[in-house]
Amino acid sequence: MNVLEMDACAIGKKLVELRGEKKQGDVAKSIGVSVSALSMYECGERIPRDNIKLRIAAYYGKPIQSIFFEHIKHET
């Protein structure tokens, strides 16, 4: 994996952590995606498009960076 690529599994774990006890269906409805799409994001099968990333970050009240890019290691 290129050091600048997103890690779908790490993103998925973060999304599951953020959702906590909330129902997947409730979160999916709130951010405007299907339950199956949210499930794929949380399982690391897909990475959301940028417009969905914005909605997810707004829903959880977190910076996009902390959800989708925190795991990326930069070369020094």
N, C-alpha and C. Protein backbone atom coordinates (compact mmCIF):
# COMPACT_ATOMS: atom_id res chain seq x y z
N MET A 1 0.85 -1.18 0.00
CA MET A 1 0.00 0.00 0.00
C MET A 1 0.89 1.24 0.00
N ASN A 2 0.58 2.17 -0.84
CA ASN A 2 1.26 3.46 -0.89
C ASN A 2 1.04 4.16 0.46
N VAL A 3 2.07 4.82 0.96
CA VAL A 3 1.96 5.46 2.28
C VAL A 3 0.90 6.55 2.33
N LEU A 4 0.48 7.07 1.17
CA LEU A 4 -0.52 8.12 1.16
C LEU A 4 -1.93 7.60 0.90
N GLU A 5 -2.10 6.29 0.70
CA GLU A 5 -3.41 5.72 0.47
C GLU A 5 -4.18 5.59 1.78
N MET A 6 -5.50 5.69 1.67
CA MET A 6 -6.34 5.50 2.83
C MET A 6 -6.43 4.03 3.17
N ASP A 7 -6.48 3.72 4.43
CA ASP A 7 -6.60 2.35 4.92
C ASP A 7 -8.08 2.10 5.24
N ALA A 8 -8.77 1.39 4.36
CA ALA A 8 -10.21 1.16 4.51
C ALA A 8 -10.53 0.46 5.83
N CYS A 9 -9.69 -0.47 6.26
CA CYS A 9 -9.94 -1.19 7.51
C CYS A 9 -9.83 -0.25 8.71
N ALA A 10 -8.82 0.61 8.71
CA ALA A 10 -8.64 1.56 9.81
C ALA A 10 -9.81 2.54 9.86
N ILE A 11 -10.26 2.97 8.69
CA ILE A 11 -11.40 3.89 8.63
C ILE A 11 -12.65 3.18 9.15
N GLY A 12 -12.83 1.93 8.73
CA GLY A 12 -13.99 1.16 9.19
C GLY A 12 -14.03 1.03 10.70
N LYS A 13 -12.89 0.72 11.30
CA LYS A 13 -12.82 0.59 12.76
C LYS A 13 -13.17 1.91 13.44
N LYS A 14 -12.69 3.00 12.87
CA LYS A 14 -12.98 4.32 13.43
C LYS A 14 -14.47 4.62 13.36
N LEU A 15 -15.10 4.27 12.22
CA LEU A 15 -16.53 4.52 12.06
C LEU A 15 -17.36 3.69 13.04
N VAL A 16 -16.96 2.45 13.26
CA VAL A 16 -17.66 1.60 14.23
C VAL A 16 -17.50 2.19 15.63
N GLU A 17 -16.31 2.62 15.95
CA GLU A 17 -16.04 3.24 17.25
C GLU A 17 -16.90 4.48 17.45
N LEU A 18 -16.98 5.32 16.43
CA LEU A 18 -17.78 6.54 16.53
C LEU A 18 -19.27 6.24 16.69
N ARG A 19 -19.75 5.21 15.99
CA ARG A 19 -21.18 4.89 16.05
C ARG A 19 -21.57 4.39 17.42
N GLY A 20 -20.67 3.67 18.09
CA GLY A 20 -20.94 3.21 19.45
C GLY A 20 -22.20 2.37 19.54
N GLU A 21 -23.14 2.77 20.38
CA GLU A 21 -24.38 2.03 20.62
C GLU A 21 -25.50 2.42 19.66
N LYS A 22 -25.25 3.41 18.82
CA LYS A 22 -26.30 3.84 17.89
C LYS A 22 -26.57 2.74 16.87
N LYS A 23 -27.81 2.66 16.42
CA LYS A 23 -28.18 1.66 15.42
C LYS A 23 -27.64 2.07 14.06
N GLN A 24 -27.15 1.10 13.32
CA GLN A 24 -26.59 1.36 12.00
C GLN A 24 -27.63 2.03 11.10
N GLY A 25 -28.87 1.58 11.19
CA GLY A 25 -29.94 2.15 10.37
C GLY A 25 -30.19 3.62 10.67
N ASP A 26 -30.13 3.98 11.94
CA ASP A 26 -30.34 5.38 12.33
C ASP A 26 -29.23 6.28 11.80
N VAL A 27 -27.99 5.81 11.90
CA VAL A 27 -26.86 6.60 11.42
C VAL A 27 -26.92 6.72 9.91
N ALA A 28 -27.20 5.59 9.24
CA ALA A 28 -27.27 5.61 7.77
C ALA A 28 -28.33 6.61 7.29
N LYS A 29 -29.49 6.59 7.92
CA LYS A 29 -30.56 7.51 7.54
C LYS A 29 -30.14 8.95 7.77
N SER A 30 -29.49 9.22 8.89
CA SER A 30 -29.07 10.58 9.22
C SER A 30 -28.04 11.14 8.25
N ILE A 31 -27.16 10.28 7.73
CA ILE A 31 -26.14 10.79 6.81
C ILE A 31 -26.53 10.61 5.34
N GLY A 32 -27.70 9.98 5.11
CA GLY A 32 -28.22 9.88 3.76
C GLY A 32 -27.60 8.79 2.90
N VAL A 33 -27.28 7.66 3.53
CA VAL A 33 -26.78 6.51 2.77
C VAL A 33 -27.60 5.28 3.16
N SER A 34 -27.48 4.23 2.38
CA SER A 34 -28.17 2.99 2.71
C SER A 34 -27.44 2.29 3.86
N VAL A 35 -28.16 1.41 4.53
CA VAL A 35 -27.54 0.63 5.60
C VAL A 35 -26.42 -0.23 5.02
N SER A 36 -26.64 -0.78 3.83
CA SER A 36 -25.60 -1.61 3.23
C SER A 36 -24.35 -0.81 2.91
N ALA A 37 -24.50 0.44 2.47
CA ALA A 37 -23.33 1.29 2.21
C ALA A 37 -22.57 1.56 3.51
N LEU A 38 -23.29 1.93 4.57
CA LEU A 38 -22.63 2.19 5.85
C LEU A 38 -21.94 0.93 6.35
N SER A 39 -22.59 -0.21 6.19
CA SER A 39 -21.99 -1.47 6.60
C SER A 39 -20.68 -1.72 5.85
N MET A 40 -20.67 -1.46 4.54
CA MET A 40 -19.44 -1.65 3.76
C MET A 40 -18.34 -0.70 4.22
N TYR A 41 -18.70 0.55 4.57
CA TYR A 41 -17.70 1.49 5.08
C TYR A 41 -17.13 0.97 6.39
N GLU A 42 -18.02 0.50 7.28
CA GLU A 42 -17.59 0.04 8.60
C GLU A 42 -16.79 -1.27 8.54
N CYS A 43 -17.05 -2.08 7.53
CA CYS A 43 -16.32 -3.36 7.38
C CYS A 43 -15.02 -3.19 6.60
N GLY A 44 -14.76 -1.98 6.12
CA GLY A 44 -13.54 -1.74 5.38
C GLY A 44 -13.59 -2.22 3.95
N GLU A 45 -14.80 -2.47 3.43
CA GLU A 45 -14.95 -2.92 2.06
C GLU A 45 -14.96 -1.77 1.06
N ARG A 46 -15.35 -0.59 1.51
CA ARG A 46 -15.38 0.59 0.66
C ARG A 46 -14.99 1.81 1.49
N ILE A 47 -14.51 2.83 0.79
CA ILE A 47 -14.23 4.12 1.41
C ILE A 47 -15.26 5.10 0.87
N PRO A 48 -15.91 5.87 1.73
CA PRO A 48 -16.94 6.79 1.24
C PRO A 48 -16.38 7.86 0.31
N ARG A 49 -17.22 8.31 -0.60
CA ARG A 49 -16.86 9.44 -1.46
C ARG A 49 -16.74 10.69 -0.60
N ASP A 50 -16.12 11.71 -1.17
CA ASP A 50 -15.84 12.93 -0.40
C ASP A 50 -17.10 13.57 0.17
N ASN A 51 -18.19 13.62 -0.60
CA ASN A 51 -19.41 14.25 -0.08
C ASN A 51 -19.98 13.47 1.09
N ILE A 52 -19.81 12.16 1.09
CA ILE A 52 -20.26 11.34 2.21
C ILE A 52 -19.33 11.52 3.41
N LYS A 53 -18.04 11.65 3.14
CA LYS A 53 -17.09 11.92 4.23
C LYS A 53 -17.49 13.19 4.98
N LEU A 54 -17.87 14.21 4.23
CA LEU A 54 -18.30 15.48 4.85
C LEU A 54 -19.51 15.26 5.74
N ARG A 55 -20.48 14.51 5.27
CA ARG A 55 -21.70 14.26 6.05
C ARG A 55 -21.40 13.43 7.30
N ILE A 56 -20.53 12.44 7.16
CA ILE A 56 -20.16 11.62 8.32
C ILE A 56 -19.46 12.47 9.38
N ALA A 57 -18.51 13.28 8.94
CA ALA A 57 -17.78 14.14 9.88
C ALA A 57 -18.73 15.11 10.59
N ALA A 58 -19.66 15.69 9.83
CA ALA A 58 -20.62 16.62 10.42
C ALA A 58 -21.53 15.89 11.41
N TYR A 59 -21.97 14.71 11.06
CA TYR A 59 -22.86 13.93 11.93
C TYR A 59 -22.19 13.65 13.28
N TYR A 60 -20.95 13.23 13.24
CA TYR A 60 -20.24 12.89 14.47
C TYR A 60 -19.57 14.10 15.12
N GLY A 61 -19.58 15.25 14.45
CA GLY A 61 -18.96 16.44 15.02
C GLY A 61 -17.46 16.33 15.15
N LYS A 62 -16.86 15.64 14.19
CA LYS A 62 -15.41 15.42 14.19
C LYS A 62 -14.80 15.99 12.92
N PRO A 63 -13.53 16.40 12.97
CA PRO A 63 -12.85 16.83 11.75
C PRO A 63 -12.67 15.65 10.79
N ILE A 64 -12.80 15.90 9.51
CA ILE A 64 -12.60 14.87 8.50
C ILE A 64 -11.24 14.20 8.70
N GLN A 65 -10.23 15.00 8.98
CA GLN A 65 -8.87 14.49 9.17
C GLN A 65 -8.82 13.38 10.22
N SER A 66 -9.51 13.58 11.32
CA SER A 66 -9.43 12.62 12.42
C SER A 66 -10.13 11.30 12.11
N ILE A 67 -11.07 11.32 11.18
CA ILE A 67 -11.78 10.09 10.83
C ILE A 67 -11.10 9.35 9.68
N PHE A 68 -10.74 10.09 8.65
CA PHE A 68 -10.32 9.45 7.40
C PHE A 68 -8.83 9.51 7.10
N PHE A 69 -8.09 10.37 7.77
CA PHE A 69 -6.69 10.54 7.40
C PHE A 69 -5.71 10.39 8.56
N GLU A 70 -6.20 10.19 9.76
CA GLU A 70 -5.34 10.12 10.95
C GLU A 70 -4.35 8.96 10.87
N HIS A 71 -4.72 7.87 10.23
CA HIS A 71 -3.90 6.67 10.16
C HIS A 71 -2.78 6.76 9.12
N ILE A 72 -2.82 7.75 8.24
CA ILE A 72 -1.84 7.85 7.16
C ILE A 72 -0.50 8.28 7.72
N LYS A 73 0.51 7.52 7.39
CA LYS A 73 1.87 7.85 7.83
C LYS A 73 2.56 8.58 6.69
N HIS A 74 3.18 9.68 7.01
CA HIS A 74 3.87 10.48 6.01
C HIS A 74 5.36 10.19 6.04
N GLU A 75 5.96 10.16 4.87
CA GLU A 75 7.39 9.94 4.80
C GLU A 75 8.12 11.15 5.34
N THR A 76 9.23 10.90 6.03
CA THR A 76 10.02 12.02 6.57
C THR A 76 11.36 12.08 5.90
